[in-house]
N, C-alpha and C. Protein backbone atom coordinates (compact mmCIF):
# COMPACT_ATOMS: atom_id res chain seq x y z
N MET A 1 84.73 87.61 96.72
CA MET A 1 83.31 88.16 96.06
C MET A 1 83.41 89.75 96.61
N ILE A 2 83.38 90.66 95.83
CA ILE A 2 84.15 92.50 96.44
C ILE A 2 81.88 92.61 96.54
N THR A 3 82.15 93.51 96.96
CA THR A 3 80.55 93.76 96.32
C THR A 3 81.01 95.74 96.57
N TRP A 4 80.04 95.93 95.67
CA TRP A 4 80.06 97.15 95.52
C TRP A 4 80.62 98.61 96.11
N GLU A 5 79.65 97.94 97.86
CA GLU A 5 79.87 99.23 98.41
C GLU A 5 81.73 99.23 98.99
N GLN A 6 81.76 97.89 98.72
CA GLN A 6 83.46 97.63 99.10
C GLN A 6 84.73 98.69 98.20
N ILE A 7 83.82 98.38 96.94
CA ILE A 7 84.54 98.67 96.02
C ILE A 7 85.04 100.76 95.98
N ILE A 8 83.13 100.66 96.67
CA ILE A 8 83.77 102.50 96.87
C ILE A 8 84.67 102.58 97.86
N GLU A 9 84.35 101.65 98.68
CA GLU A 9 85.19 101.95 100.23
C GLU A 9 87.06 102.20 99.36
N LEU A 10 86.49 101.22 99.14
CA LEU A 10 88.32 101.40 98.05
C LEU A 10 88.65 103.44 97.22
N ALA A 11 87.66 103.00 96.17
CA ALA A 11 88.14 104.23 94.96
C ALA A 11 88.54 105.26 96.34
N GLU A 12 86.66 105.51 97.30
CA GLU A 12 87.15 106.61 98.19
C GLU A 12 88.37 106.98 99.13
N GLY A 13 89.42 106.73 99.05
CA GLY A 13 90.44 106.33 99.42
C GLY A 13 92.20 107.14 98.57
N LEU A 14 91.40 106.39 97.05
CA LEU A 14 92.35 107.07 96.26
C LEU A 14 92.78 108.09 95.50
N PRO A 15 93.69 108.66 95.88
CA PRO A 15 93.96 110.01 95.38
C PRO A 15 93.86 110.52 94.39
N GLU A 16 92.59 111.26 93.83
CA GLU A 16 92.19 112.34 92.90
C GLU A 16 91.03 111.54 92.27
N VAL A 17 90.56 110.59 93.09
CA VAL A 17 89.48 109.90 92.45
C VAL A 17 87.73 110.35 92.71
N GLN A 18 87.16 109.95 92.25
CA GLN A 18 85.62 110.91 92.39
C GLN A 18 84.49 109.79 92.09
N VAL A 19 84.04 109.36 93.02
CA VAL A 19 82.85 108.31 92.61
C VAL A 19 81.59 108.95 92.45
N LEU A 20 80.61 108.97 91.16
CA LEU A 20 79.99 109.04 90.40
C LEU A 20 79.10 108.28 90.70
N THR A 21 77.56 108.19 91.02
CA THR A 21 76.79 107.19 91.36
C THR A 21 76.08 108.07 91.21
N GLY A 22 74.98 106.86 89.75
CA GLY A 22 73.72 107.55 89.60
C GLY A 22 73.06 105.67 88.71
N GLU A 23 73.09 105.96 88.11
CA GLU A 23 72.00 104.96 86.20
C GLU A 23 72.97 103.55 86.98
N LYS A 24 74.58 103.97 86.77
CA LYS A 24 75.68 102.96 86.72
C LYS A 24 77.22 103.61 87.22
N LEU A 25 77.65 103.18 88.30
CA LEU A 25 78.51 103.38 88.67
C LEU A 25 80.03 104.19 88.42
N VAL A 26 80.76 104.81 88.57
CA VAL A 26 81.47 105.40 87.48
C VAL A 26 82.83 105.75 88.47
N ILE A 27 83.13 105.63 88.22
CA ILE A 27 85.05 106.09 89.29
C ILE A 27 86.09 106.22 88.24
N ARG A 28 85.81 107.58 89.07
CA ARG A 28 86.34 108.24 88.03
C ARG A 28 87.94 109.58 88.18
N ARG A 29 89.24 109.34 88.00
CA ARG A 29 90.43 109.48 87.54
C ARG A 29 90.14 111.09 87.54
N GLY A 30 90.78 112.14 88.45
CA GLY A 30 90.90 113.54 86.62
C GLY A 30 89.33 113.89 86.10
N LYS A 31 89.86 113.30 85.11
CA LYS A 31 89.06 113.12 84.24
C LYS A 31 87.93 111.85 82.65
N ARG A 32 89.24 111.08 83.77
CA ARG A 32 89.31 109.66 82.80
C ARG A 32 88.72 108.71 83.66
N ASP A 33 87.43 107.91 83.17
CA ASP A 33 86.68 106.41 84.10
C ASP A 33 87.94 105.78 83.93
N LEU A 34 88.53 106.04 85.30
CA LEU A 34 89.23 104.60 85.81
C LEU A 34 88.37 103.19 85.42
N ALA A 35 87.32 102.64 86.56
CA ALA A 35 86.22 101.52 85.76
C ALA A 35 85.15 102.48 86.37
N TRP A 36 83.94 101.16 86.27
CA TRP A 36 82.77 101.78 85.72
C TRP A 36 82.05 100.74 85.85
N GLN A 37 80.62 100.15 85.70
CA GLN A 37 79.50 98.86 86.54
C GLN A 37 78.85 99.26 84.78
N ARG A 38 79.59 97.69 84.35
CA ARG A 38 79.25 97.36 82.75
C ARG A 38 78.54 96.18 82.92
N PRO A 39 77.64 95.94 82.82
CA PRO A 39 76.36 94.35 82.43
C PRO A 39 76.93 94.16 81.69
N LEU A 40 76.96 92.75 80.46
CA LEU A 40 77.07 92.94 79.95
C LEU A 40 75.26 92.51 79.36
N SER A 41 76.19 92.78 77.85
CA SER A 41 74.94 92.39 76.82
C SER A 41 74.62 91.65 76.41
N LYS A 42 74.11 90.99 75.53
CA LYS A 42 73.52 90.15 74.97
C LYS A 42 74.40 88.93 74.26
N LYS A 43 74.75 89.88 73.40
CA LYS A 43 76.00 90.28 71.93
C LYS A 43 77.25 89.41 73.25
N ASP A 44 77.46 89.76 74.70
CA ASP A 44 78.64 89.64 74.97
C ASP A 44 78.40 88.39 75.68
N MET A 45 77.12 88.04 75.76
CA MET A 45 76.71 86.89 77.20
C MET A 45 76.86 85.55 75.81
N LYS A 46 76.52 86.29 74.58
CA LYS A 46 76.57 84.78 73.44
C LYS A 46 78.09 84.63 73.22
N ALA A 47 78.52 85.46 73.24
CA ALA A 47 80.27 85.76 73.21
C ALA A 47 80.22 84.24 74.19
N LEU A 48 80.25 84.43 75.68
CA LEU A 48 81.89 84.17 76.29
C LEU A 48 80.68 82.91 76.17
N GLY A 49 79.24 82.52 75.86
CA GLY A 49 79.08 81.08 76.42
C GLY A 49 78.55 80.64 78.06
N ASP A 50 78.85 80.15 77.83
CA ASP A 50 79.01 78.95 79.37
C ASP A 50 79.49 79.50 80.42
N ALA A 51 80.58 80.43 80.17
CA ALA A 51 82.01 81.10 80.99
C ALA A 51 81.65 82.37 80.54
N ALA A 52 80.41 82.73 80.93
CA ALA A 52 79.68 84.56 81.04
C ALA A 52 79.57 83.75 82.93
N PRO A 53 79.53 85.44 83.14
CA PRO A 53 79.64 85.17 84.40
C PRO A 53 77.96 85.79 84.89
N THR A 54 77.58 85.44 85.76
CA THR A 54 75.88 85.33 86.05
C THR A 54 75.77 86.83 87.24
N GLY A 55 77.17 87.01 87.70
CA GLY A 55 77.15 88.25 89.18
C GLY A 55 77.12 89.97 88.31
N GLU A 56 77.50 90.33 88.67
CA GLU A 56 78.19 91.51 88.89
C GLU A 56 79.64 92.00 88.16
N VAL A 57 79.35 92.73 87.83
CA VAL A 57 80.22 93.47 86.32
C VAL A 57 81.23 94.25 86.18
N MET A 58 82.31 94.63 86.72
CA MET A 58 83.18 96.62 86.62
C MET A 58 84.44 95.75 84.94
N ALA A 59 83.62 97.43 84.53
CA ALA A 59 85.63 96.76 83.83
C ALA A 59 86.17 98.32 84.31
N VAL A 60 87.66 97.78 83.68
CA VAL A 60 88.60 98.70 85.23
C VAL A 60 89.71 98.96 84.40
N HIS A 61 89.79 100.43 83.14
CA HIS A 61 90.85 101.16 82.51
C HIS A 61 92.04 100.80 82.84
N VAL A 62 93.17 99.96 82.04
CA VAL A 62 94.50 99.93 82.11
C VAL A 62 95.25 100.26 81.06
N ALA A 63 96.54 100.69 81.29
CA ALA A 63 97.72 101.06 80.84
C ALA A 63 97.50 100.95 79.04
N ASP A 64 97.63 100.08 78.68
CA ASP A 64 97.58 99.91 76.89
C ASP A 64 97.03 98.39 77.51
N LEU A 65 97.76 97.65 75.46
CA LEU A 65 96.21 96.24 75.45
C LEU A 65 97.73 95.36 75.77
N ILE A 66 98.58 95.68 76.05
CA ILE A 66 99.84 95.43 76.26
C ILE A 66 100.09 94.68 77.71
N GLU A 67 99.65 95.51 78.51
CA GLU A 67 98.77 95.26 80.48
C GLU A 67 97.44 94.53 80.78
N LYS A 68 96.89 94.92 79.15
CA LYS A 68 95.74 94.46 79.58
C LYS A 68 96.09 92.64 79.73
N GLU A 69 96.38 91.93 78.54
CA GLU A 69 97.03 90.61 78.39
C GLU A 69 98.31 90.86 79.86
N ALA A 70 98.83 91.38 80.01
CA ALA A 70 99.48 91.08 81.39
C ALA A 70 97.93 90.54 82.55
N TRP A 71 97.72 91.69 82.57
CA TRP A 71 96.19 90.96 83.41
C TRP A 71 95.23 89.79 83.18
N LEU A 72 95.11 89.74 82.16
CA LEU A 72 94.44 88.41 81.87
C LEU A 72 95.31 87.53 81.85
N LEU A 73 96.12 87.41 81.47
CA LEU A 73 96.98 86.22 82.20
C LEU A 73 97.57 84.99 83.25
N ALA A 74 97.46 86.58 83.96
CA ALA A 74 97.75 86.39 85.69
C ALA A 74 96.60 86.55 86.58
N GLU A 75 95.43 86.71 85.89
CA GLU A 75 94.05 86.53 86.59
C GLU A 75 93.15 86.21 85.87
N PRO A 76 93.54 84.46 85.60
CA PRO A 76 91.80 84.07 84.13
C PRO A 76 90.78 84.01 84.82
N GLY A 77 90.77 83.71 86.17
CA GLY A 77 89.41 83.92 86.84
C GLY A 77 88.90 84.64 87.25
N PRO A 78 88.76 85.47 87.61
CA PRO A 78 87.95 86.64 87.38
C PRO A 78 88.38 87.99 87.05
N LEU A 79 89.25 87.94 85.54
CA LEU A 79 89.53 88.86 84.91
C LEU A 79 88.74 88.28 83.33
N PHE A 80 88.32 89.22 82.62
CA PHE A 80 88.44 88.49 80.91
C PHE A 80 88.40 89.68 80.81
N THR A 81 87.25 89.27 79.04
CA THR A 81 87.24 90.64 78.46
C THR A 81 86.34 89.63 77.31
N THR A 82 85.66 90.62 76.27
CA THR A 82 85.04 90.57 75.15
C THR A 82 85.15 90.89 74.05
N PRO A 83 84.28 90.13 72.71
CA PRO A 83 84.37 90.49 72.01
C PRO A 83 84.87 92.55 72.01
N HIS A 84 83.73 92.54 72.33
CA HIS A 84 84.00 94.27 72.30
C HIS A 84 84.64 95.82 72.51
N PHE A 85 85.25 94.81 73.55
CA PHE A 85 86.92 95.12 74.18
C PHE A 85 88.33 94.66 73.75
N ALA A 86 87.61 93.97 72.54
CA ALA A 86 88.71 93.66 72.38
C ALA A 86 90.12 94.12 71.58
N ASN A 87 90.18 95.59 71.44
CA ASN A 87 90.72 96.44 71.12
C ASN A 87 91.12 97.87 72.14
N TYR A 88 90.57 96.95 73.42
CA TYR A 88 90.61 98.28 73.74
C TYR A 88 91.03 97.85 75.43
N PRO A 89 91.96 99.23 75.79
CA PRO A 89 92.21 99.29 77.15
C PRO A 89 91.51 98.68 78.84
N ALA A 90 91.14 97.48 78.27
CA ALA A 90 90.03 98.22 79.73
C ALA A 90 90.24 95.88 79.84
N VAL A 91 89.76 95.81 81.52
CA VAL A 91 89.66 94.71 81.95
C VAL A 91 88.08 94.46 82.33
N LEU A 92 86.96 93.01 82.40
CA LEU A 92 86.38 93.34 82.92
C LEU A 92 86.96 92.32 84.54
N VAL A 93 86.46 92.50 85.10
CA VAL A 93 86.34 92.11 86.46
C VAL A 93 84.65 91.09 86.96
N ASP A 94 84.59 89.86 86.75
CA ASP A 94 84.14 89.17 87.26
C ASP A 94 83.82 89.19 89.54
N LEU A 95 82.61 90.43 89.41
CA LEU A 95 82.85 90.68 91.45
C LEU A 95 82.75 89.23 91.93
N ASP A 96 82.23 88.37 91.66
CA ASP A 96 81.96 87.24 92.24
C ASP A 96 83.51 86.47 92.13
N LEU A 97 84.12 86.82 91.50
CA LEU A 97 85.24 86.11 91.80
C LEU A 97 86.78 86.42 92.44
N ALA A 98 86.11 87.99 92.46
CA ALA A 98 87.10 88.56 92.85
C ALA A 98 87.30 89.42 94.37
N GLY A 99 88.65 89.48 94.39
CA GLY A 99 88.83 89.58 95.68
C GLY A 99 89.86 91.23 95.65
N ILE A 100 89.39 91.40 97.42
CA ILE A 100 89.37 92.71 98.13
C ILE A 100 90.72 93.57 97.39
N GLU A 101 92.10 92.38 97.45
CA GLU A 101 93.29 92.71 96.91
C GLU A 101 93.42 92.87 95.88
N LEU A 102 92.64 92.27 94.63
CA LEU A 102 93.16 92.56 92.97
C LEU A 102 92.32 93.55 92.55
N VAL A 103 90.91 93.69 92.83
CA VAL A 103 90.63 95.46 92.65
C VAL A 103 90.94 96.61 93.81
N ARG A 104 91.54 96.10 94.47
CA ARG A 104 92.40 97.47 95.08
C ARG A 104 93.55 97.89 93.74
N GLU A 105 94.62 96.60 93.50
CA GLU A 105 95.56 96.40 92.71
C GLU A 105 94.77 96.89 91.22
N LEU A 106 93.97 97.06 90.90
CA LEU A 106 93.28 97.54 89.88
C LEU A 106 93.56 98.67 89.07
N LEU A 107 92.79 98.51 90.39
CA LEU A 107 92.00 101.01 90.80
C LEU A 107 93.43 101.82 91.19
N ASP A 108 94.12 101.10 91.94
CA ASP A 108 95.40 102.17 92.79
C ASP A 108 96.88 101.84 91.39
N GLN A 109 96.59 102.13 90.12
CA GLN A 109 97.81 102.14 88.95
C GLN A 109 97.95 102.71 88.14
């Protein structure tokens, strides 16, 4: 399990990264969002069914769809996707299942 406080601390240690706090947490590298707080919508919850996380979720942008599939295969517990993200290069992270090393690796790409 990883907390938002730990994620912020990790992000603040990365080069060229800004942490924006407001209604939702956003981690930005340059002009691009690297990761962001992403609560699941009702549509997401319905699509995931019993597999839907009940805790906090973070979305993390990855290089491309091939890298996304590699991440999803490598870490099927904490990482997942929804139909909304089907053709978008980002993975969703169940913070209740993710460890600090996984999140560090995702943010430091």
